[in-house]
Amino acid sequence: MSLTRREFVVAAAVVAATRPRTLFALGHADVLIVQFSDTGERQGAVRVPKVVKADDDWRKQLSPLAYHIARQAGTERAFSGAYWNLHDKGLFRCICCDTALFSSAAKFDSGTGWPSFWQPIAEENVHHGKPSGGYTDSEVTCIRCDAHLGDLFDDGPHPTGLRYCIDSVALRFVKF
């Protein structure tokens, strides 16, 4: 069965109108992430669709502050977030797409007022540039949904010497 151009356009419009507004992999490549259970067990690397949503949909999902931080690359005030002084054992997931990002085992007190980690739970799950010495930004984002998480600096503890300075509101904590 062949469609005329008009029939094809109408059919495409009907499909687009009836699909959810979240666009999974439509025009976007899949990404490789490492999945973790809520108990912190590594479950292996998998290819998953990139999560892309319209701004209105992100606004509906997130609080105004979380939207400002995660979708507009804002920064929360130091010592104001829920996790800067959290010492419980657990896993930190992306507030936007739930990808596992950091483990409490790599969290340390940087004295900066933001949750700080010396490494991500899996390097595959985050994207960042070269660490900053404090004069330039090196944004850290979630690989799956491009949420802004914070910045990467080169003044962290051993063994990496890195400090992933992350906004609490960009995270969801799952206690072990």
N, C-alpha and C. Protein backbone atom coordinates (compact mmCIF):
# COMPACT_ATOMS: atom_id res chain seq x y z
N MET A 1 0.85 -1.18 0.00
CA MET A 1 0.00 0.00 0.00
C MET A 1 0.89 1.23 0.00
N SER A 2 0.66 2.13 -0.92
CA SER A 2 1.43 3.36 -0.96
C SER A 2 0.54 4.53 -0.55
N LEU A 3 1.17 5.50 0.08
CA LEU A 3 0.44 6.67 0.55
C LEU A 3 0.78 7.87 -0.32
N THR A 4 -0.19 8.73 -0.50
CA THR A 4 0.11 9.99 -1.16
C THR A 4 0.85 10.86 -0.16
N ARG A 5 1.46 11.90 -0.64
CA ARG A 5 2.17 12.82 0.25
C ARG A 5 1.23 13.39 1.32
N ARG A 6 0.03 13.76 0.92
CA ARG A 6 -0.95 14.31 1.85
C ARG A 6 -1.33 13.28 2.91
N GLU A 7 -1.58 12.04 2.52
CA GLU A 7 -1.92 10.99 3.47
C GLU A 7 -0.78 10.73 4.46
N PHE A 8 0.45 10.77 3.94
CA PHE A 8 1.61 10.58 4.80
C PHE A 8 1.72 11.69 5.84
N VAL A 9 1.55 12.94 5.42
CA VAL A 9 1.64 14.09 6.33
C VAL A 9 0.54 14.00 7.39
N VAL A 10 -0.67 13.67 6.99
CA VAL A 10 -1.78 13.55 7.94
C VAL A 10 -1.50 12.42 8.93
N ALA A 11 -1.06 11.27 8.43
CA ALA A 11 -0.76 10.14 9.31
C ALA A 11 0.35 10.50 10.29
N ALA A 12 1.38 11.18 9.82
CA ALA A 12 2.49 11.59 10.71
C ALA A 12 1.99 12.55 11.78
N ALA A 13 1.10 13.46 11.40
CA ALA A 13 0.56 14.42 12.37
C ALA A 13 -0.28 13.72 13.43
N VAL A 14 -1.06 12.73 13.02
CA VAL A 14 -1.87 11.97 13.97
C VAL A 14 -0.97 11.22 14.95
N VAL A 15 0.07 10.57 14.45
CA VAL A 15 1.01 9.85 15.32
C VAL A 15 1.67 10.82 16.29
N ALA A 16 2.13 11.95 15.78
CA ALA A 16 2.80 12.93 16.65
C ALA A 16 1.85 13.47 17.71
N ALA A 17 0.61 13.68 17.36
CA ALA A 17 -0.36 14.24 18.31
C ALA A 17 -0.75 13.25 19.39
N THR A 18 -0.68 11.96 19.10
CA THR A 18 -1.12 10.95 20.07
C THR A 18 0.02 10.38 20.88
N ARG A 19 1.25 10.71 20.54
CA ARG A 19 2.40 10.21 21.30
C ARG A 19 2.62 11.07 22.53
N PRO A 20 3.23 10.49 23.58
CA PRO A 20 3.60 11.31 24.74
C PRO A 20 4.57 12.39 24.30
N ARG A 21 4.61 13.48 25.06
CA ARG A 21 5.47 14.59 24.69
C ARG A 21 6.93 14.33 24.98
N THR A 22 7.25 13.26 25.71
CA THR A 22 8.65 12.89 25.90
C THR A 22 9.14 12.25 24.62
N LEU A 23 10.23 12.74 24.12
CA LEU A 23 10.77 12.22 22.88
C LEU A 23 11.94 11.30 23.19
N PHE A 24 11.72 10.02 23.08
CA PHE A 24 12.80 9.07 23.33
C PHE A 24 13.47 8.74 22.02
N ALA A 25 14.71 9.16 21.89
CA ALA A 25 15.58 8.82 20.77
C ALA A 25 15.06 9.29 19.42
N LEU A 26 14.08 10.16 19.37
CA LEU A 26 13.61 10.68 18.10
C LEU A 26 14.62 11.71 17.62
N GLY A 27 15.42 11.31 16.69
CA GLY A 27 16.47 12.18 16.20
C GLY A 27 17.66 12.29 17.15
N HIS A 28 17.68 11.47 18.18
CA HIS A 28 18.77 11.50 19.14
C HIS A 28 19.35 10.09 19.27
N ALA A 29 20.63 10.01 19.40
CA ALA A 29 21.29 8.72 19.53
C ALA A 29 21.03 8.13 20.91
N ASP A 30 21.06 6.83 20.97
CA ASP A 30 21.02 6.17 22.27
C ASP A 30 22.31 6.47 23.00
N VAL A 31 22.29 6.32 24.32
CA VAL A 31 23.49 6.53 25.12
C VAL A 31 23.78 5.27 25.93
N LEU A 32 25.02 5.09 26.26
CA LEU A 32 25.45 3.95 27.08
C LEU A 32 25.55 4.43 28.52
N ILE A 33 24.82 3.77 29.41
CA ILE A 33 24.93 4.06 30.84
C ILE A 33 25.17 2.76 31.59
N VAL A 34 25.63 2.90 32.82
CA VAL A 34 25.74 1.75 33.70
C VAL A 34 24.58 1.84 34.68
N GLN A 35 23.78 0.80 34.74
CA GLN A 35 22.63 0.79 35.64
C GLN A 35 23.04 0.24 37.00
N PHE A 36 22.36 0.78 38.05
CA PHE A 36 22.58 0.35 39.42
C PHE A 36 21.23 0.13 40.09
N SER A 37 21.17 -0.88 40.94
CA SER A 37 19.96 -1.09 41.73
C SER A 37 19.91 -0.03 42.82
N ASP A 38 18.78 0.07 43.51
CA ASP A 38 18.66 1.04 44.61
C ASP A 38 19.48 0.63 45.83
N THR A 39 20.10 -0.54 45.80
CA THR A 39 21.01 -0.94 46.87
C THR A 39 22.46 -0.72 46.46
N GLY A 40 22.66 -0.09 45.30
CA GLY A 40 24.00 0.27 44.85
C GLY A 40 24.72 -0.82 44.07
N GLU A 41 24.03 -1.90 43.75
CA GLU A 41 24.67 -2.99 43.00
C GLU A 41 24.73 -2.63 41.52
N ARG A 42 25.93 -2.76 40.97
CA ARG A 42 26.13 -2.52 39.55
C ARG A 42 25.42 -3.62 38.77
N GLN A 43 24.57 -3.21 37.82
CA GLN A 43 23.81 -4.19 37.05
C GLN A 43 24.27 -4.31 35.61
N GLY A 44 25.26 -3.53 35.24
CA GLY A 44 25.81 -3.65 33.89
C GLY A 44 25.50 -2.46 33.01
N ALA A 45 26.24 -2.40 31.91
CA ALA A 45 26.09 -1.32 30.95
C ALA A 45 24.98 -1.67 29.95
N VAL A 46 24.18 -0.68 29.64
CA VAL A 46 23.08 -0.85 28.68
C VAL A 46 22.96 0.39 27.81
N ARG A 47 22.47 0.19 26.60
CA ARG A 47 22.15 1.32 25.72
C ARG A 47 20.70 1.70 25.98
N VAL A 48 20.47 2.98 26.23
CA VAL A 48 19.13 3.48 26.52
C VAL A 48 18.87 4.71 25.66
N PRO A 49 17.61 5.00 25.41
CA PRO A 49 17.29 6.20 24.63
C PRO A 49 17.64 7.47 25.42
N LYS A 50 18.14 8.46 24.73
CA LYS A 50 18.36 9.78 25.31
C LYS A 50 16.99 10.33 25.72
N VAL A 51 16.90 10.96 26.89
CA VAL A 51 15.64 11.54 27.34
C VAL A 51 15.62 13.01 26.93
N VAL A 52 14.64 13.35 26.13
CA VAL A 52 14.46 14.72 25.65
C VAL A 52 13.00 15.09 25.88
N LYS A 53 12.78 16.23 26.52
CA LYS A 53 11.42 16.70 26.78
C LYS A 53 11.31 18.17 26.42
N ALA A 54 10.11 18.58 26.15
CA ALA A 54 9.83 20.00 25.94
C ALA A 54 9.99 20.74 27.27
N ASP A 55 10.36 22.00 27.22
CA ASP A 55 10.53 22.80 28.44
C ASP A 55 9.30 22.75 29.34
N ASP A 56 8.11 22.82 28.75
CA ASP A 56 6.88 22.78 29.55
C ASP A 56 6.78 21.47 30.34
N ASP A 57 7.21 20.39 29.73
CA ASP A 57 7.16 19.09 30.42
C ASP A 57 8.17 19.02 31.56
N TRP A 58 9.38 19.59 31.34
CA TRP A 58 10.36 19.64 32.43
C TRP A 58 9.81 20.50 33.57
N ARG A 59 9.17 21.61 33.25
CA ARG A 59 8.60 22.49 34.29
C ARG A 59 7.53 21.78 35.10
N LYS A 60 6.73 20.92 34.45
CA LYS A 60 5.70 20.16 35.16
C LYS A 60 6.32 19.11 36.08
N GLN A 61 7.43 18.53 35.66
CA GLN A 61 8.07 17.45 36.43
C GLN A 61 8.87 17.98 37.62
N LEU A 62 9.51 19.12 37.45
CA LEU A 62 10.47 19.62 38.43
C LEU A 62 9.93 20.81 39.22
N SER A 63 10.48 21.00 40.42
CA SER A 63 10.17 22.21 41.17
C SER A 63 10.79 23.40 40.42
N PRO A 64 10.34 24.63 40.70
CA PRO A 64 10.94 25.78 40.02
C PRO A 64 12.46 25.86 40.23
N LEU A 65 12.94 25.56 41.45
CA LEU A 65 14.38 25.60 41.69
C LEU A 65 15.09 24.48 40.93
N ALA A 66 14.54 23.27 40.95
CA ALA A 66 15.16 22.15 40.23
C ALA A 66 15.20 22.44 38.73
N TYR A 67 14.14 23.04 38.21
CA TYR A 67 14.13 23.40 36.79
C TYR A 67 15.24 24.41 36.50
N HIS A 68 15.35 25.43 37.34
CA HIS A 68 16.38 26.46 37.14
C HIS A 68 17.79 25.85 37.17
N ILE A 69 18.03 24.95 38.10
CA ILE A 69 19.36 24.33 38.23
C ILE A 69 19.60 23.34 37.09
N ALA A 70 18.73 22.35 36.97
CA ALA A 70 18.98 21.24 36.05
C ALA A 70 18.78 21.58 34.58
N ARG A 71 17.85 22.44 34.27
CA ARG A 71 17.56 22.71 32.86
C ARG A 71 18.13 24.05 32.39
N GLN A 72 18.46 24.97 33.33
CA GLN A 72 18.98 26.28 32.94
C GLN A 72 20.39 26.53 33.49
N ALA A 73 21.03 25.50 34.02
CA ALA A 73 22.41 25.57 34.51
C ALA A 73 22.60 26.59 35.63
N GLY A 74 21.60 26.69 36.50
CA GLY A 74 21.72 27.58 37.66
C GLY A 74 22.54 26.92 38.75
N THR A 75 22.66 27.61 39.88
CA THR A 75 23.38 27.09 41.04
C THR A 75 22.60 27.45 42.30
N GLU A 76 22.43 26.47 43.19
CA GLU A 76 21.77 26.76 44.46
C GLU A 76 22.76 27.44 45.40
N ARG A 77 22.24 28.15 46.37
CA ARG A 77 23.11 28.82 47.35
C ARG A 77 23.86 27.77 48.17
N ALA A 78 25.10 28.08 48.48
CA ALA A 78 25.91 27.19 49.32
C ALA A 78 25.22 26.96 50.66
N PHE A 79 25.34 25.76 51.19
CA PHE A 79 24.80 25.36 52.50
C PHE A 79 23.26 25.39 52.54
N SER A 80 22.60 25.44 51.37
CA SER A 80 21.14 25.49 51.36
C SER A 80 20.50 24.19 50.89
N GLY A 81 21.25 23.34 50.24
CA GLY A 81 20.71 22.11 49.68
C GLY A 81 20.52 21.00 50.70
N ALA A 82 19.72 20.04 50.35
CA ALA A 82 19.38 18.94 51.26
C ALA A 82 20.53 17.97 51.52
N TYR A 83 21.49 17.91 50.61
CA TYR A 83 22.49 16.83 50.69
C TYR A 83 23.91 17.28 51.02
N TRP A 84 24.17 18.57 51.18
CA TRP A 84 25.55 19.01 51.40
C TRP A 84 26.14 18.40 52.67
N ASN A 85 25.31 18.18 53.68
CA ASN A 85 25.81 17.66 54.96
C ASN A 85 25.24 16.27 55.26
N LEU A 86 24.76 15.58 54.25
CA LEU A 86 24.19 14.24 54.41
C LEU A 86 25.31 13.21 54.54
N HIS A 87 25.21 12.35 55.55
CA HIS A 87 26.25 11.33 55.77
C HIS A 87 25.70 9.91 55.70
N ASP A 88 24.44 9.76 55.27
CA ASP A 88 23.85 8.43 55.14
C ASP A 88 24.47 7.68 53.96
N LYS A 89 24.41 6.35 54.04
CA LYS A 89 24.88 5.53 52.93
C LYS A 89 23.77 5.43 51.91
N GLY A 90 24.14 5.59 50.65
CA GLY A 90 23.14 5.49 49.60
C GLY A 90 23.67 5.86 48.24
N LEU A 91 22.72 6.11 47.37
CA LEU A 91 22.97 6.34 45.96
C LEU A 91 22.29 7.64 45.56
N PHE A 92 22.93 8.43 44.74
CA PHE A 92 22.37 9.68 44.25
C PHE A 92 22.00 9.52 42.78
N ARG A 93 20.73 9.76 42.46
CA ARG A 93 20.22 9.63 41.10
C ARG A 93 19.87 11.01 40.53
N CYS A 94 19.81 11.09 39.21
CA CYS A 94 19.44 12.32 38.52
C CYS A 94 17.98 12.65 38.81
N ILE A 95 17.70 13.88 39.17
CA ILE A 95 16.34 14.32 39.46
C ILE A 95 15.46 14.30 38.22
N CYS A 96 16.08 14.39 37.05
CA CYS A 96 15.31 14.44 35.80
C CYS A 96 15.00 13.08 35.21
N CYS A 97 15.98 12.15 35.21
CA CYS A 97 15.78 10.88 34.50
C CYS A 97 16.06 9.65 35.35
N ASP A 98 16.48 9.84 36.59
CA ASP A 98 16.71 8.76 37.55
C ASP A 98 17.97 7.92 37.28
N THR A 99 18.84 8.37 36.43
CA THR A 99 20.10 7.67 36.19
C THR A 99 20.97 7.75 37.44
N ALA A 100 21.61 6.65 37.82
CA ALA A 100 22.52 6.65 38.97
C ALA A 100 23.74 7.49 38.63
N LEU A 101 24.10 8.41 39.54
CA LEU A 101 25.19 9.34 39.26
C LEU A 101 26.35 9.24 40.25
N PHE A 102 26.05 9.19 41.55
CA PHE A 102 27.10 9.19 42.56
C PHE A 102 26.73 8.26 43.70
N SER A 103 27.76 7.75 44.38
CA SER A 103 27.58 6.92 45.56
C SER A 103 28.06 7.69 46.78
N SER A 104 27.41 7.44 47.91
CA SER A 104 27.85 8.07 49.15
C SER A 104 29.28 7.65 49.51
N ALA A 105 29.74 6.52 48.99
CA ALA A 105 31.10 6.05 49.26
C ALA A 105 32.15 7.00 48.70
N ALA A 106 31.80 7.80 47.69
CA ALA A 106 32.73 8.75 47.09
C ALA A 106 32.44 10.18 47.51
N LYS A 107 31.53 10.37 48.46
CA LYS A 107 31.16 11.71 48.94
C LYS A 107 32.14 12.15 50.02
N PHE A 108 32.51 13.41 50.03
CA PHE A 108 33.40 13.94 51.06
C PHE A 108 32.99 15.36 51.42
N ASP A 109 33.42 15.82 52.57
CA ASP A 109 33.12 17.17 53.03
C ASP A 109 34.17 18.12 52.47
N SER A 110 33.76 18.91 51.48
CA SER A 110 34.69 19.84 50.82
C SER A 110 34.72 21.19 51.52
N GLY A 111 33.76 21.42 52.44
CA GLY A 111 33.69 22.72 53.11
C GLY A 111 33.08 23.81 52.24
N THR A 112 32.56 23.44 51.07
CA THR A 112 32.04 24.44 50.14
C THR A 112 30.54 24.68 50.29
N GLY A 113 29.82 23.76 50.95
CA GLY A 113 28.39 23.91 51.10
C GLY A 113 27.57 23.22 50.03
N TRP A 114 28.24 22.44 49.18
CA TRP A 114 27.55 21.63 48.17
C TRP A 114 28.01 20.19 48.33
N PRO A 115 27.15 19.23 47.96
CA PRO A 115 27.61 17.84 47.98
C PRO A 115 28.81 17.70 47.04
N SER A 116 29.85 17.07 47.53
CA SER A 116 31.07 16.89 46.73
C SER A 116 31.45 15.43 46.69
N PHE A 117 31.90 14.99 45.52
CA PHE A 117 32.26 13.60 45.29
C PHE A 117 33.61 13.56 44.59
N TRP A 118 34.43 12.54 44.89
CA TRP A 118 35.72 12.44 44.21
C TRP A 118 35.64 11.61 42.94
N GLN A 119 34.50 10.97 42.70
CA GLN A 119 34.27 10.29 41.42
C GLN A 119 32.79 10.00 41.26
N PRO A 120 32.32 9.85 40.00
CA PRO A 120 30.93 9.42 39.80
C PRO A 120 30.81 7.92 40.05
N ILE A 121 29.59 7.44 40.18
CA ILE A 121 29.39 6.00 40.40
C ILE A 121 29.83 5.21 39.17
N ALA A 122 29.69 5.82 38.00
CA ALA A 122 30.18 5.26 36.74
C ALA A 122 30.50 6.43 35.82
N GLU A 123 31.69 6.47 35.31
CA GLU A 123 32.10 7.56 34.43
C GLU A 123 31.18 7.66 33.21
N GLU A 124 30.62 6.53 32.78
CA GLU A 124 29.72 6.52 31.63
C GLU A 124 28.45 7.33 31.86
N ASN A 125 28.07 7.56 33.10
CA ASN A 125 26.78 8.18 33.41
C ASN A 125 26.82 9.70 33.47
N VAL A 126 28.00 10.28 33.43
CA VAL A 126 28.12 11.74 33.46
C VAL A 126 28.97 12.22 32.29
N HIS A 127 28.80 13.49 31.98
CA HIS A 127 29.62 14.13 30.96
C HIS A 127 30.26 15.36 31.60
N HIS A 128 31.52 15.59 31.30
CA HIS A 128 32.21 16.78 31.81
C HIS A 128 33.43 17.05 30.98
N GLY A 129 33.89 18.26 31.08
CA GLY A 129 35.13 18.64 30.42
C GLY A 129 36.30 18.48 31.38
N LYS A 130 37.37 19.16 31.04
CA LYS A 130 38.57 19.15 31.87
C LYS A 130 38.27 19.84 33.20
N PRO A 131 38.79 19.29 34.32
CA PRO A 131 38.55 19.94 35.62
C PRO A 131 39.06 21.37 35.64
N SER A 132 38.36 22.22 36.36
CA SER A 132 38.71 23.62 36.49
C SER A 132 39.58 23.83 37.72
N GLY A 133 40.49 24.76 37.63
CA GLY A 133 41.29 25.17 38.77
C GLY A 133 40.59 26.22 39.59
N GLY A 134 39.35 26.53 39.26
CA GLY A 134 38.57 27.52 39.98
C GLY A 134 38.32 28.79 39.21
N TYR A 135 38.95 28.94 38.06
CA TYR A 135 38.79 30.17 37.29
C TYR A 135 37.86 30.01 36.10
N THR A 136 37.67 28.79 35.65
CA THR A 136 36.76 28.52 34.54
C THR A 136 35.83 27.41 34.95
N ASP A 137 34.65 27.39 34.35
CA ASP A 137 33.69 26.35 34.65
C ASP A 137 33.97 25.09 33.85
N SER A 138 33.73 23.96 34.46
CA SER A 138 33.74 22.68 33.79
C SER A 138 32.45 21.98 34.19
N GLU A 139 31.42 22.22 33.43
CA GLU A 139 30.09 21.74 33.75
C GLU A 139 30.03 20.21 33.76
N VAL A 140 29.30 19.68 34.74
CA VAL A 140 29.01 18.25 34.84
C VAL A 140 27.53 18.08 34.50
N THR A 141 27.24 17.19 33.56
CA THR A 141 25.85 16.94 33.16
C THR A 141 25.57 15.45 33.18
N CYS A 142 24.30 15.12 33.27
CA CYS A 142 23.84 13.74 33.16
C CYS A 142 23.91 13.33 31.69
N ILE A 143 24.51 12.21 31.41
CA ILE A 143 24.67 11.75 30.03
C ILE A 143 23.33 11.42 29.38
N ARG A 144 22.36 10.97 30.17
CA ARG A 144 21.09 10.50 29.60
C ARG A 144 20.12 11.63 29.25
N CYS A 145 20.09 12.70 30.07
CA CYS A 145 19.09 13.75 29.82
C CYS A 145 19.69 15.15 29.73
N ASP A 146 21.01 15.25 29.83
CA ASP A 146 21.72 16.54 29.75
C ASP A 146 21.40 17.49 30.89
N ALA A 147 20.89 16.98 32.01
CA ALA A 147 20.63 17.84 33.16
C ALA A 147 21.94 18.42 33.68
N HIS A 148 21.93 19.70 33.98
CA HIS A 148 23.09 20.33 34.63
C HIS A 148 23.12 19.85 36.08
N LEU A 149 24.28 19.32 36.49
CA LEU A 149 24.42 18.80 37.85
C LEU A 149 25.29 19.69 38.72
N GLY A 150 26.31 20.29 38.14
CA GLY A 150 27.25 21.11 38.90
C GLY A 150 28.51 21.31 38.08
N ASP A 151 29.64 21.37 38.77
CA ASP A 151 30.93 21.62 38.11
C ASP A 151 32.00 20.70 38.65
N LEU A 152 33.06 20.53 37.87
CA LEU A 152 34.19 19.67 38.22
C LEU A 152 35.43 20.53 38.46
N PHE A 153 36.09 20.28 39.60
CA PHE A 153 37.29 21.02 39.96
C PHE A 153 38.44 20.05 40.24
N ASP A 154 39.66 20.57 40.19
CA ASP A 154 40.84 19.73 40.39
C ASP A 154 41.44 19.87 41.79
N ASP A 155 40.60 20.17 42.78
CA ASP A 155 41.08 20.36 44.16
C ASP A 155 40.48 19.33 45.13
N GLY A 156 40.18 18.15 44.63
CA GLY A 156 39.58 17.11 45.48
C GLY A 156 40.61 16.21 46.14
N PRO A 157 40.13 15.26 46.92
CA PRO A 157 41.03 14.36 47.66
C PRO A 157 41.55 13.21 46.79
N HIS A 158 42.46 12.45 47.37
CA HIS A 158 42.93 11.23 46.71
C HIS A 158 41.81 10.22 46.73
N PRO A 159 41.67 9.33 45.83
CA PRO A 159 42.68 8.96 44.85
C PRO A 159 42.60 9.71 43.53
N THR A 160 41.54 10.48 43.25
CA THR A 160 41.42 11.14 41.95
C THR A 160 41.92 12.57 41.93
N GLY A 161 41.89 13.25 43.07
CA GLY A 161 42.23 14.67 43.10
C GLY A 161 41.14 15.54 42.51
N LEU A 162 39.96 14.96 42.27
CA LEU A 162 38.85 15.69 41.66
C LEU A 162 37.77 16.01 42.69
N ARG A 163 37.02 17.08 42.42
CA ARG A 163 35.86 17.43 43.23
C ARG A 163 34.69 17.71 42.30
N TYR A 164 33.75 16.77 42.27
CA TYR A 164 32.50 16.96 41.56
C TYR A 164 31.61 17.74 42.51
N CYS A 165 31.46 19.03 42.26
CA CYS A 165 30.68 19.93 43.12
C CYS A 165 29.27 19.99 42.54
N ILE A 166 28.32 19.32 43.21
CA ILE A 166 27.01 19.05 42.64
C ILE A 166 25.91 19.75 43.43
N ASP A 167 24.94 20.29 42.73
CA ASP A 167 23.79 20.93 43.38
C ASP A 167 22.85 19.84 43.92
N SER A 168 22.49 19.95 45.20
CA SER A 168 21.59 18.98 45.83
C SER A 168 20.30 18.80 45.05
N VAL A 169 19.74 19.90 44.58
CA VAL A 169 18.43 19.86 43.94
C VAL A 169 18.46 19.12 42.60
N ALA A 170 19.63 18.87 42.05
CA ALA A 170 19.75 18.10 40.81
C ALA A 170 19.76 16.60 41.08
N LEU A 171 19.72 16.23 42.36
CA LEU A 171 19.84 14.82 42.76
C LEU A 171 18.61 14.32 43.51
N ARG A 172 18.46 13.00 43.49
CA ARG A 172 17.47 12.31 44.34
C ARG A 172 18.25 11.24 45.08
N PHE A 173 18.20 11.26 46.41
CA PHE A 173 18.95 10.32 47.22
C PHE A 173 18.13 9.08 47.53
N VAL A 174 18.77 7.92 47.37
CA VAL A 174 18.15 6.64 47.72
C VAL A 174 19.02 6.02 48.79
N LYS A 175 18.47 5.92 50.00
CA LYS A 175 19.21 5.39 51.14
C LYS A 175 19.32 3.88 51.05
N PHE A 176 20.50 3.34 51.38
CA PHE A 176 20.70 1.88 51.41
C PHE A 176 20.08 1.31 52.67
